[in-house]
């Protein structure tokens, strides 16, 4: 008997399930919906880890016949809710459960849109679309007066400065390409990162409009700003979400924004601040090694000429 593994490619939200129920159900039918929902619930119950599936037992539990399973799986694959991979050497299947299209993408997919309209009529389709329309308030005339993390939770900056200098001395790496999250954290911290941190950051990357380079820029800031030489996933998300809310998503924009954070600390605490916010992408050959006999303090003087040394 072939082995079967189940994976969900991206986090599926309650809104995604509503979209499947309202728009995809007429195409995939109750059997398809039952298969999709039950597999996702098992994945969620297993803390979003890939799991092994006894396919025969699963189908028997749902009272689904083999031919019904095969027909339904084909439909799920055709509308991109399912992907099937087969390893012939191991006689192993990998089924990937995928997110449905959001409303805007669904409207832009003429093939899927027309198929749904065939099933439920164009009028019913438009009525469903209207339910999902969101009221939008332009924020052009508003000023964001929300407090930022660093304004409410101040750091012990004297201790932080000492820790940052230690991190500088241990830095021996350079960046030539944009690394993935795991490799970047290995280079940054000189040790294997926690799997939970890597997964959390990657999940955030998949579900938000930030590039890998932008993510790495934020991670680098979090590491330098943390006095205990670790990166908090919660702190990373707080910084990243704040940037997204302000529509600051390009790497260079993020550098400038985070520079202001450190400048704010300097103004508040009147201490020196690190002048070496490493760029996660640099095509030049940068040597960041440190000579212990002649350590360089990369700290700003009182004139503050910027946190990011572009070399």
C-alpha atoms as a PDB file:
ATOM      1  CA  UNK A   1       0.000   0.000   0.000  1.00  0.00           C
ATOM      2  CA  UNK A   2       1.314   3.440  -0.933  1.00  0.00           C
ATOM      3  CA  UNK A   3       2.280   5.816   1.850  1.00  0.00           C
ATOM      4  CA  UNK A   4       0.511   9.178   1.958  1.00  0.00           C
ATOM      5  CA  UNK A   5       1.634  12.468   3.500  1.00  0.00           C
ATOM      6  CA  UNK A   6      -0.421  15.651   3.804  1.00  0.00           C
ATOM      7  CA  UNK A   7       0.938  19.193   3.793  1.00  0.00           C
ATOM      8  CA  UNK A   8      -0.747  22.596   3.739  1.00  0.00           C
ATOM      9  CA  UNK A   9       1.269  25.058   1.661  1.00  0.00           C
ATOM     10  CA  UNK A  10       0.049  28.218   3.400  1.00  0.00           C
ATOM     11  CA  UNK A  11      -2.060  29.080   6.417  1.00  0.00           C
ATOM     12  CA  UNK A  12      -5.753  28.777   5.624  1.00  0.00           C
ATOM     13  CA  UNK A  13      -7.943  31.327   7.384  1.00  0.00           C
ATOM     14  CA  UNK A  14     -11.590  31.227   8.392  1.00  0.00           C
ATOM     15  CA  UNK A  15     -12.264  33.631   5.507  1.00  0.00           C
ATOM     16  CA  UNK A  16     -10.671  31.140   3.092  1.00  0.00           C
ATOM     17  CA  UNK A  17     -13.041  28.447   4.326  1.00  0.00           C
ATOM     18  CA  UNK A  18     -15.995  30.803   3.831  1.00  0.00           C
ATOM     19  CA  UNK A  19     -14.859  31.463   0.261  1.00  0.00           C
ATOM     20  CA  UNK A  20     -14.614  27.720  -0.400  1.00  0.00           C
ATOM     21  CA  UNK A  21     -18.085  27.204   1.061  1.00  0.00           C
ATOM     22  CA  UNK A  22     -19.658  30.010  -0.990  1.00  0.00           C
ATOM     23  CA  UNK A  23     -17.779  29.849  -4.297  1.00  0.00           C
ATOM     24  CA  UNK A  24     -15.985  26.503  -4.639  1.00  0.00           C
ATOM     25  CA  UNK A  25     -18.587  24.177  -3.142  1.00  0.00           C
ATOM     26  CA  UNK A  26     -20.800  24.163  -6.256  1.00  0.00           C
ATOM     27  CA  UNK A  27     -17.814  22.870  -8.237  1.00  0.00           C
ATOM     28  CA  UNK A  28     -16.171  20.448  -5.799  1.00  0.00           C
ATOM     29  CA  UNK A  29     -19.425  19.185  -4.289  1.00  0.00           C
ATOM     30  CA  UNK A  30     -20.041  18.006  -0.743  1.00  0.00           C
ATOM     31  CA  UNK A  31     -17.481  15.212  -1.085  1.00  0.00           C
ATOM     32  CA  UNK A  32     -14.757  17.622  -2.137  1.00  0.00           C
ATOM     33  CA  UNK A  33     -15.658  20.012   0.660  1.00  0.00           C
ATOM     34  CA  UNK A  34     -15.645  17.199   3.235  1.00  0.00           C
ATOM     35  CA  UNK A  35     -12.227  15.974   2.067  1.00  0.00           C
ATOM     36  CA  UNK A  36     -10.705  19.460   2.084  1.00  0.00           C
ATOM     37  CA  UNK A  37     -12.147  20.500   5.438  1.00  0.00           C
ATOM     38  CA  UNK A  38     -11.274  17.262   7.240  1.00  0.00           C
ATOM     39  CA  UNK A  39      -7.702  17.223   5.956  1.00  0.00           C
ATOM     40  CA  UNK A  40      -7.216  20.838   7.016  1.00  0.00           C
ATOM     41  CA  UNK A  41      -8.673  20.199  10.479  1.00  0.00           C
ATOM     42  CA  UNK A  42      -6.271  17.289  10.960  1.00  0.00           C
ATOM     43  CA  UNK A  43      -3.379  19.459   9.835  1.00  0.00           C
ATOM     44  CA  UNK A  44      -4.433  22.223  12.250  1.00  0.00           C
ATOM     45  CA  UNK A  45      -4.929  19.748  15.096  1.00  0.00           C
ATOM     46  CA  UNK A  46      -1.365  18.520  14.502  1.00  0.00           C
ATOM     47  CA  UNK A  47       0.000  22.037  15.034  1.00  0.00           C
ATOM     48  CA  UNK A  48       0.434  22.630  11.281  1.00  0.00           C
ATOM     49  CA  UNK A  49       2.953  19.826  10.809  1.00  0.00           C
ATOM     50  CA  UNK A  50       3.080  17.456   7.835  1.00  0.00           C
ATOM     51  CA  UNK A  51       1.320  14.239   8.808  1.00  0.00           C
ATOM     52  CA  UNK A  52       0.961  10.679   7.542  1.00  0.00           C
ATOM     53  CA  UNK A  53      -2.492   9.676   6.358  1.00  0.00           C
ATOM     54  CA  UNK A  54      -4.082   6.243   6.291  1.00  0.00           C
ATOM     55  CA  UNK A  55      -6.041   6.995   3.142  1.00  0.00           C
ATOM     56  CA  UNK A  56      -8.299   3.920   3.266  1.00  0.00           C
ATOM     57  CA  UNK A  57      -9.290   4.600   6.876  1.00  0.00           C
ATOM     58  CA  UNK A  58      -9.850   8.275   6.064  1.00  0.00           C
ATOM     59  CA  UNK A  59     -12.149   7.494   3.129  1.00  0.00           C
ATOM     60  CA  UNK A  60     -14.035   4.850   5.107  1.00  0.00           C
ATOM     61  CA  UNK A  61     -14.639   7.328   7.922  1.00  0.00           C
ATOM     62  CA  UNK A  62     -16.169   9.793   5.460  1.00  0.00           C
ATOM     63  CA  UNK A  63     -18.023   7.014   3.606  1.00  0.00           C
ATOM     64  CA  UNK A  64     -16.311   7.937   0.351  1.00  0.00           C
ATOM     65  CA  UNK A  65     -15.697   5.274  -2.295  1.00  0.00           C
ATOM     66  CA  UNK A  66     -12.374   4.953  -4.103  1.00  0.00           C
ATOM     67  CA  UNK A  67     -13.775   6.089  -7.453  1.00  0.00           C
ATOM     68  CA  UNK A  68     -15.437   9.096  -5.779  1.00  0.00           C
ATOM     69  CA  UNK A  69     -12.118   9.997  -4.176  1.00  0.00           C
ATOM     70  CA  UNK A  70     -10.252   9.841  -7.490  1.00  0.00           C
ATOM     71  CA  UNK A  71     -12.856  11.904  -9.356  1.00  0.00           C
ATOM     72  CA  UNK A  72     -13.041  14.502  -6.594  1.00  0.00           C
ATOM     73  CA  UNK A  73      -9.268  14.716  -6.274  1.00  0.00           C
ATOM     74  CA  UNK A  74      -9.030  15.467 -10.000  1.00  0.00           C
ATOM     75  CA  UNK A  75     -11.484  18.345  -9.609  1.00  0.00           C
ATOM     76  CA  UNK A  76      -9.655  19.719  -6.549  1.00  0.00           C
ATOM     77  CA  UNK A  77      -6.408  19.630  -8.527  1.00  0.00           C
ATOM     78  CA  UNK A  78      -7.967  21.315 -11.559  1.00  0.00           C
ATOM     79  CA  UNK A  79      -9.066  24.360  -9.531  1.00  0.00           C
ATOM     80  CA  UNK A  80      -5.779  24.502  -7.574  1.00  0.00           C
ATOM     81  CA  UNK A  81      -7.074  23.521  -4.137  1.00  0.00           C
ATOM     82  CA  UNK A  82      -4.994  20.349  -4.280  1.00  0.00           C
ATOM     83  CA  UNK A  83      -1.640  19.264  -5.693  1.00  0.00           C
ATOM     84  CA  UNK A  84      -0.480  15.673  -5.934  1.00  0.00           C
ATOM     85  CA  UNK A  85       3.139  14.487  -5.983  1.00  0.00           C
ATOM     86  CA  UNK A  86       4.323  10.911  -6.326  1.00  0.00           C
ATOM     87  CA  UNK A  87       7.712   9.425  -5.406  1.00  0.00           C
ATOM     88  CA  UNK A  88       8.022   6.265  -7.468  1.00  0.00           C
ATOM     89  CA  UNK A  89      11.139   5.025  -5.665  1.00  0.00           C
ATOM     90  CA  UNK A  90       9.407   5.088  -2.279  1.00  0.00           C
ATOM     91  CA  UNK A  91       5.872   4.502  -3.569  1.00  0.00           C
ATOM     92  CA  UNK A  92       4.826   7.588  -1.640  1.00  0.00           C
ATOM     93  CA  UNK A  93       2.242  10.289  -2.324  1.00  0.00           C
ATOM     94  CA  UNK A  94       2.397  13.858  -1.081  1.00  0.00           C
ATOM     95  CA  UNK A  95      -0.870  15.795  -1.175  1.00  0.00           C
ATOM     96  CA  UNK A  96      -0.645  19.564  -0.815  1.00  0.00           C
ATOM     97  CA  UNK A  97      -3.718  21.410   0.383  1.00  0.00           C
ATOM     98  CA  UNK A  98      -3.761  24.928  -1.083  1.00  0.00           C
ATOM     99  CA  UNK A  99      -5.467  28.218  -0.251  1.00  0.00           C
ATOM    100  CA  UNK A 100      -8.384  29.300  -2.412  1.00  0.00           C
ATOM    101  CA  UNK A 101      -8.146  32.482  -4.448  1.00  0.00           C
ATOM    102  CA  UNK A 102      -9.162  35.652  -2.661  1.00  0.00           C
ATOM    103  CA  UNK A 103     -12.123  37.562  -4.068  1.00  0.00           C
ATOM    104  CA  UNK A 104     -10.127  39.931  -6.272  1.00  0.00           C
ATOM    105  CA  UNK A 105      -8.089  37.079  -7.798  1.00  0.00           C
ATOM    106  CA  UNK A 106     -11.215  34.984  -8.231  1.00  0.00           C
ATOM    107  CA  UNK A 107     -12.881  37.794 -10.191  1.00  0.00           C
ATOM    108  CA  UNK A 108      -9.780  38.000 -12.374  1.00  0.00           C
ATOM    109  CA  UNK A 109      -9.830  34.280 -13.168  1.00  0.00           C
ATOM    110  CA  UNK A 110     -12.276  34.121 -16.077  1.00  0.00           C
ATOM    111  CA  UNK A 111     -12.253  30.313 -16.323  1.00  0.00           C
ATOM    112  CA  UNK A 112     -13.042  29.690 -12.665  1.00  0.00           C
ATOM    113  CA  UNK A 113     -15.492  32.591 -12.539  1.00  0.00           C
ATOM    114  CA  UNK A 114     -17.472  31.292 -15.529  1.00  0.00           C
ATOM    115  CA  UNK A 115     -17.526  27.772 -14.095  1.00  0.00           C
ATOM    116  CA  UNK A 116     -18.985  29.052 -10.809  1.00  0.00           C
ATOM    117  CA  UNK A 117     -21.578  31.123 -12.686  1.00  0.00           C
ATOM    118  CA  UNK A 118     -22.594  27.997 -14.610  1.00  0.00           C
ATOM    119  CA  UNK A 119     -23.347  26.284 -11.326  1.00  0.00           C
ATOM    120  CA  UNK A 120     -25.110  29.054  -9.398  1.00  0.00           C
ATOM    121  CA  UNK A 121     -26.172  31.633 -12.047  1.00  0.00           C
ATOM    122  CA  UNK A 122     -24.625  35.020 -12.704  1.00  0.00           C
ATOM    123  CA  UNK A 123     -27.125  36.833 -10.455  1.00  0.00           C
ATOM    124  CA  UNK A 124     -26.358  34.620  -7.461  1.00  0.00           C
ATOM    125  CA  UNK A 125     -22.660  35.044  -8.141  1.00  0.00           C
ATOM    126  CA  UNK A 126     -22.958  38.858  -8.063  1.00  0.00           C
ATOM    127  CA  UNK A 127     -24.960  38.654  -4.847  1.00  0.00           C
ATOM    128  CA  UNK A 128     -22.187  36.604  -3.247  1.00  0.00           C
ATOM    129  CA  UNK A 129     -19.547  39.056  -4.432  1.00  0.00           C
ATOM    130  CA  UNK A 130     -21.450  41.944  -2.852  1.00  0.00           C
ATOM    131  CA  UNK A 131     -21.388  40.161   0.515  1.00  0.00           C
ATOM    132  CA  UNK A 132     -17.607  40.167   0.467  1.00  0.00           C
ATOM    133  CA  UNK A 133     -17.180  43.802  -0.490  1.00  0.00           C
ATOM    134  CA  UNK A 134     -15.433  45.737   2.260  1.00  0.00           C
ATOM    135  CA  UNK A 135     -16.018  49.334   3.164  1.00  0.00           C
ATOM    136  CA  UNK A 136     -12.835  51.297   2.608  1.00  0.00           C
ATOM    137  CA  UNK A 137     -12.046  54.570   4.360  1.00  0.00           C
ATOM    138  CA  UNK A 138      -9.298  56.655   2.796  1.00  0.00           C
ATOM    139  CA  UNK A 139      -6.648  57.499   5.364  1.00  0.00           C
ATOM    140  CA  UNK A 140      -5.184  60.365   3.338  1.00  0.00           C
ATOM    141  CA  UNK A 141      -6.659  62.981   5.685  1.00  0.00           C
ATOM    142  CA  UNK A 142      -5.815  61.016   8.813  1.00  0.00           C
ATOM    143  CA  UNK A 143      -2.572  61.018  10.759  1.00  0.00           C
ATOM    144  CA  UNK A 144      -1.427  57.804  12.391  1.00  0.00           C
ATOM    145  CA  UNK A 145      -0.968  58.693  16.069  1.00  0.00           C
ATOM    146  CA  UNK A 146      -0.580  55.118  17.332  1.00  0.00           C
ATOM    147  CA  UNK A 147       2.194  54.484  19.818  1.00  0.00           C
ATOM    148  CA  UNK A 148       5.159  52.482  18.581  1.00  0.00           C
ATOM    149  CA  UNK A 149       6.716  49.566  20.412  1.00  0.00           C
ATOM    150  CA  UNK A 150       9.914  51.385  21.352  1.00  0.00           C
ATOM    151  CA  UNK A 151       7.941  54.349  22.758  1.00  0.00           C
ATOM    152  CA  UNK A 152       6.155  52.151  25.298  1.00  0.00           C
ATOM    153  CA  UNK A 153       8.798  49.512  26.034  1.00  0.00           C
ATOM    154  CA  UNK A 154      12.180  51.262  26.387  1.00  0.00           C
ATOM    155  CA  UNK A 155      15.435  49.300  26.281  1.00  0.00           C
ATOM    156  CA  UNK A 156      18.324  49.283  28.686  1.00  0.00           C
ATOM    157  CA  UNK A 157      20.460  50.945  26.022  1.00  0.00           C
ATOM    158  CA  UNK A 158      23.750  50.941  27.927  1.00  0.00           C
ATOM    159  CA  UNK A 159      23.576  47.196  28.272  1.00  0.00           C
ATOM    160  CA  UNK A 160      22.345  46.943  24.679  1.00  0.00           C
ATOM    161  CA  UNK A 161      25.319  48.912  23.354  1.00  0.00           C
ATOM    162  CA  UNK A 162      27.747  46.560  25.091  1.00  0.00           C
ATOM    163  CA  UNK A 163      25.975  43.492  23.706  1.00  0.00           C
ATOM    164  CA  UNK A 164      25.914  44.956  20.202  1.00  0.00           C
ATOM    165  CA  UNK A 165      29.648  45.605  20.311  1.00  0.00           C
ATOM    166  CA  UNK A 166      30.196  41.968  21.273  1.00  0.00           C
ATOM    167  CA  UNK A 167      28.087  40.904  18.305  1.00  0.00           C
ATOM    168  CA  UNK A 168      30.208  43.078  16.035  1.00  0.00           C
ATOM    169  CA  UNK A 169      33.381  41.390  17.180  1.00  0.00           C
ATOM    170  CA  UNK A 170      32.000  37.955  16.336  1.00  0.00           C
ATOM    171  CA  UNK A 171      30.706  38.979  12.897  1.00  0.00           C
ATOM    172  CA  UNK A 172      32.770  37.390  10.124  1.00  0.00           C
ATOM    173  CA  UNK A 173      30.255  37.085   7.339  1.00  0.00           C
ATOM    174  CA  UNK A 174      29.330  39.024   4.240  1.00  0.00           C
ATOM    175  CA  UNK A 175      26.224  39.093   2.070  1.00  0.00           C
ATOM    176  CA  UNK A 176      26.357  38.697  -1.706  1.00  0.00           C
ATOM    177  CA  UNK A 177      22.829  37.392  -2.297  1.00  0.00           C
ATOM    178  CA  UNK A 178      19.511  37.429  -0.503  1.00  0.00           C
ATOM    179  CA  UNK A 179      19.546  34.376   1.743  1.00  0.00           C
ATOM    180  CA  UNK A 180      16.485  32.464   2.822  1.00  0.00           C
ATOM    181  CA  UNK A 181      15.351  32.878   6.415  1.00  0.00           C
ATOM    182  CA  UNK A 182      17.160  29.884   7.877  1.00  0.00           C
ATOM    183  CA  UNK A 183      20.495  30.584   6.169  1.00  0.00           C
ATOM    184  CA  UNK A 184      20.300  34.277   6.995  1.00  0.00           C
ATOM    185  CA  UNK A 185      19.707  33.576  10.692  1.00  0.00           C
ATOM    186  CA  UNK A 186      22.589  31.098  10.724  1.00  0.00           C
ATOM    187  CA  UNK A 187      24.908  33.720   9.273  1.00  0.00           C
ATOM    188  CA  UNK A 188      23.597  36.428  11.561  1.00  0.00           C
ATOM    189  CA  UNK A 189      23.723  34.549  14.869  1.00  0.00           C
ATOM    190  CA  UNK A 190      26.486  32.041  14.036  1.00  0.00           C
ATOM    191  CA  UNK A 191      24.274  29.195  15.250  1.00  0.00           C
ATOM    192  CA  UNK A 192      21.315  27.124  14.095  1.00  0.00           C
ATOM    193  CA  UNK A 193      18.071  29.076  14.554  1.00  0.00           C
ATOM    194  CA  UNK A 194      15.066  27.636  16.346  1.00  0.00           C
ATOM    195  CA  UNK A 195      12.777  25.802  13.901  1.00  0.00           C
ATOM    196  CA  UNK A 196       9.770  27.589  15.405  1.00  0.00           C
ATOM    197  CA  UNK A 197      11.348  30.966  14.616  1.00  0.00           C
ATOM    198  CA  UNK A 198      12.164  29.981  11.020  1.00  0.00           C
ATOM    199  CA  UNK A 199       8.661  28.591  10.448  1.00  0.00           C
ATOM    200  CA  UNK A 200       7.038  31.614  12.046  1.00  0.00           C
ATOM    201  CA  UNK A 201       9.032  34.063   9.942  1.00  0.00           C
ATOM    202  CA  UNK A 202       8.452  32.075   6.734  1.00  0.00           C
ATOM    203  CA  UNK A 203       4.725  31.901   7.430  1.00  0.00           C
ATOM    204  CA  UNK A 204       4.705  35.658   7.922  1.00  0.00           C
ATOM    205  CA  UNK A 205       6.654  36.056   4.660  1.00  0.00           C
ATOM    206  CA  UNK A 206       4.132  33.950   2.738  1.00  0.00           C
ATOM    207  CA  UNK A 207       1.120  35.872   4.034  1.00  0.00           C
ATOM    208  CA  UNK A 208       2.397  39.429   3.742  1.00  0.00           C
ATOM    209  CA  UNK A 209       3.690  41.759   1.034  1.00  0.00           C
ATOM    210  CA  UNK A 210       7.318  41.781   2.111  1.00  0.00           C
ATOM    211  CA  UNK A 211      10.258  40.441   0.123  1.00  0.00           C
ATOM    212  CA  UNK A 212      12.861  38.097   1.601  1.00  0.00           C
ATOM    213  CA  UNK A 213      15.344  40.977   1.582  1.00  0.00           C
ATOM    214  CA  UNK A 214      12.914  43.138   3.545  1.00  0.00           C
ATOM    215  CA  UNK A 215      12.325  40.312   6.031  1.00  0.00           C
ATOM    216  CA  UNK A 216      16.082  39.879   6.485  1.00  0.00           C
ATOM    217  CA  UNK A 217      16.494  43.596   7.101  1.00  0.00           C
ATOM    218  CA  UNK A 218      13.948  43.447   9.917  1.00  0.00           C
ATOM    219  CA  UNK A 219      15.526  40.307  11.394  1.00  0.00           C
ATOM    220  CA  UNK A 220      18.912  41.987  11.395  1.00  0.00           C
ATOM    221  CA  UNK A 221      17.482  44.976  13.256  1.00  0.00           C
ATOM    222  CA  UNK A 222      15.741  42.718  15.808  1.00  0.00           C
ATOM    223  CA  UNK A 223      18.997  40.890  16.493  1.00  0.00           C
ATOM    224  CA  UNK A 224      21.038  44.053  16.966  1.00  0.00           C
ATOM    225  CA  UNK A 225      18.357  45.657  19.109  1.00  0.00           C
ATOM    226  CA  UNK A 226      17.958  42.727  21.496  1.00  0.00           C
ATOM    227  CA  UNK A 227      20.249  42.754  24.505  1.00  0.00           C
ATOM    228  CA  UNK A 228      19.995  38.987  25.099  1.00  0.00           C
ATOM    229  CA  UNK A 229      21.393  38.030  21.667  1.00  0.00           C
ATOM    230  CA  UNK A 230      18.193  36.397  20.468  1.00  0.00           C
ATOM    231  CA  UNK A 231      15.321  37.236  18.157  1.00  0.00           C
ATOM    232  CA  UNK A 232      11.766  37.256  19.461  1.00  0.00           C
ATOM    233  CA  UNK A 233       9.182  36.185  16.887  1.00  0.00           C
ATOM    234  CA  UNK A 234       6.605  38.398  18.593  1.00  0.00           C
ATOM    235  CA  UNK A 235       8.915  41.423  18.418  1.00  0.00           C
ATOM    236  CA  UNK A 236       9.731  40.676  14.765  1.00  0.00           C
ATOM    237  CA  UNK A 237       6.013  40.535  13.913  1.00  0.00           C
ATOM    238  CA  UNK A 238       5.330  43.741  15.838  1.00  0.00           C
ATOM    239  CA  UNK A 239       8.005  45.631  13.911  1.00  0.00           C
ATOM    240  CA  UNK A 240       7.020  44.080  10.555  1.00  0.00           C
ATOM    241  CA  UNK A 241       3.292  44.738  10.991  1.00  0.00           C
ATOM    242  CA  UNK A 242       3.971  48.316  12.012  1.00  0.00           C
ATOM    243  CA  UNK A 243       5.988  48.794   8.812  1.00  0.00           C
ATOM    244  CA  UNK A 244       3.277  47.191   6.665  1.00  0.00           C
ATOM    245  CA  UNK A 245       0.581  49.368   8.258  1.00  0.00           C
ATOM    246  CA  UNK A 246       2.631  52.401   7.294  1.00  0.00           C
ATOM    247  CA  UNK A 247       3.115  50.932   3.787  1.00  0.00           C
ATOM    248  CA  UNK A 248       6.872  50.825   4.332  1.00  0.00           C
ATOM    249  CA  UNK A 249       7.715  47.563   2.575  1.00  0.00           C
ATOM    250  CA  UNK A 250      10.772  48.136   0.380  1.00  0.00           C
ATOM    251  CA  UNK A 251      14.152  47.181   1.920  1.00  0.00           C
ATOM    252  CA  UNK A 252      15.631  50.671   1.588  1.00  0.00           C
ATOM    253  CA  UNK A 253      12.504  52.220   3.075  1.00  0.00           C
ATOM    254  CA  UNK A 254      12.660  49.786   5.980  1.00  0.00           C
ATOM    255  CA  UNK A 255      16.305  50.662   6.641  1.00  0.00           C
ATOM    256  CA  UNK A 256      15.424  54.350   6.806  1.00  0.00           C
ATOM    257  CA  UNK A 257      12.447  53.710   9.061  1.00  0.00           C
ATOM    258  CA  UNK A 258      14.415  51.567  11.502  1.00  0.00           C
ATOM    259  CA  UNK A 259      17.194  54.113  11.465  1.00  0.00           C
ATOM    260  CA  UNK A 260      14.654  56.536  12.931  1.00  0.00           C
ATOM    261  CA  UNK A 261      13.918  54.046  15.701  1.00  0.00           C
ATOM    262  CA  UNK A 262      17.529  53.990  16.781  1.00  0.00           C
ATOM    263  CA  UNK A 263      17.829  57.737  16.373  1.00  0.00           C
ATOM    264  CA  UNK A 264      14.832  58.112  18.655  1.00  0.00           C
ATOM    265  CA  UNK A 265      16.589  55.970  21.263  1.00  0.00           C
ATOM    266  CA  UNK A 266      19.662  58.138  20.993  1.00  0.00           C
ATOM    267  CA  UNK A 267      17.671  61.304  21.529  1.00  0.00           C
ATOM    268  CA  UNK A 268      15.826  59.806  24.487  1.00  0.00           C
ATOM    269  CA  UNK A 269      18.766  58.228  26.269  1.00  0.00           C
ATOM    270  CA  UNK A 270      21.684  60.326  24.989  1.00  0.00           C
ATOM    271  CA  UNK A 271      23.878  57.308  24.366  1.00  0.00           C
ATOM    272  CA  UNK A 272      25.968  56.264  21.382  1.00  0.00           C
ATOM    273  CA  UNK A 273      24.267  54.088  18.774  1.00  0.00           C
ATOM    274  CA  UNK A 274      25.632  51.422  16.506  1.00  0.00           C
ATOM    275  CA  UNK A 275      26.693  52.599  13.059  1.00  0.00           C
ATOM    276  CA  UNK A 276      26.592  49.249  11.353  1.00  0.00           C
ATOM    277  CA  UNK A 277      23.125  48.108  10.340  1.00  0.00           C
ATOM    278  CA  UNK A 278      24.167  45.347   7.918  1.00  0.00           C
ATOM    279  CA  UNK A 279      22.394  45.226   4.571  1.00  0.00           C
ATOM    280  CA  UNK A 280      20.939  41.751   3.839  1.00  0.00           C
ATOM    281  CA  UNK A 281      21.893  42.161   0.178  1.00  0.00           C
ATOM    282  CA  UNK A 282      25.213  43.593  -0.883  1.00  0.00           C
ATOM    283  CA  UNK A 283      26.863  42.640  -4.143  1.00  0.00           C
ATOM    284  CA  UNK A 284      30.262  43.985  -3.151  1.00  0.00           C
ATOM    285  CA  UNK A 285      32.869  41.934  -1.354  1.00  0.00           C
ATOM    286  CA  UNK A 286      32.512  43.227   2.169  1.00  0.00           C
ATOM    287  CA  UNK A 287      34.862  42.016   4.835  1.00  0.00           C
ATOM    288  CA  UNK A 288      33.125  42.261   8.184  1.00  0.00           C
ATOM    289  CA  UNK A 289      35.798  40.441  10.147  1.00  0.00           C
ATOM    290  CA  UNK A 290      37.239  42.142  13.217  1.00  0.00           C
ATOM    291  CA  UNK A 291      40.824  42.293  14.402  1.00  0.00           C
ATOM    292  CA  UNK A 292      40.797  41.647  18.140  1.00  0.00           C
ATOM    293  CA  UNK A 293      44.012  43.608  18.535  1.00  0.00           C
ATOM    294  CA  UNK A 294      42.501  46.714  17.027  1.00  0.00           C
ATOM    295  CA  UNK A 295      38.752  46.600  17.588  1.00  0.00           C
ATOM    296  CA  UNK A 296      36.765  49.267  15.815  1.00  0.00           C
ATOM    297  CA  UNK A 297      33.871  50.861  17.611  1.00  0.00           C
ATOM    298  CA  UNK A 298      31.307  51.494  14.931  1.00  0.00           C
ATOM    299  CA  UNK A 299      29.361  53.968  17.039  1.00  0.00           C
ATOM    300  CA  UNK A 300      27.889  57.219  15.849  1.00  0.00           C
ATOM    301  CA  UNK A 301      29.237  60.519  17.075  1.00  0.00           C
ATOM    302  CA  UNK A 302      26.973  63.288  18.292  1.00  0.00           C
ATOM    303  CA  UNK A 303      26.325  64.489  14.754  1.00  0.00           C
ATOM    304  CA  UNK A 304      24.549  61.183  13.849  1.00  0.00           C
ATOM    305  CA  UNK A 305      25.484  60.473  10.256  1.00  0.00           C
ATOM    306  CA  UNK A 306      23.224  57.410   9.834  1.00  0.00           C
ATOM    307  CA  UNK A 307      22.864  53.839  10.948  1.00  0.00           C
ATOM    308  CA  UNK A 308      23.320  52.022   7.671  1.00  0.00           C
ATOM    309  CA  UNK A 309      26.759  51.906   6.157  1.00  0.00           C
ATOM    310  CA  UNK A 310      26.147  51.230   2.457  1.00  0.00           C
ATOM    311  CA  UNK A 311      29.883  50.807   1.811  1.00  0.00           C
END
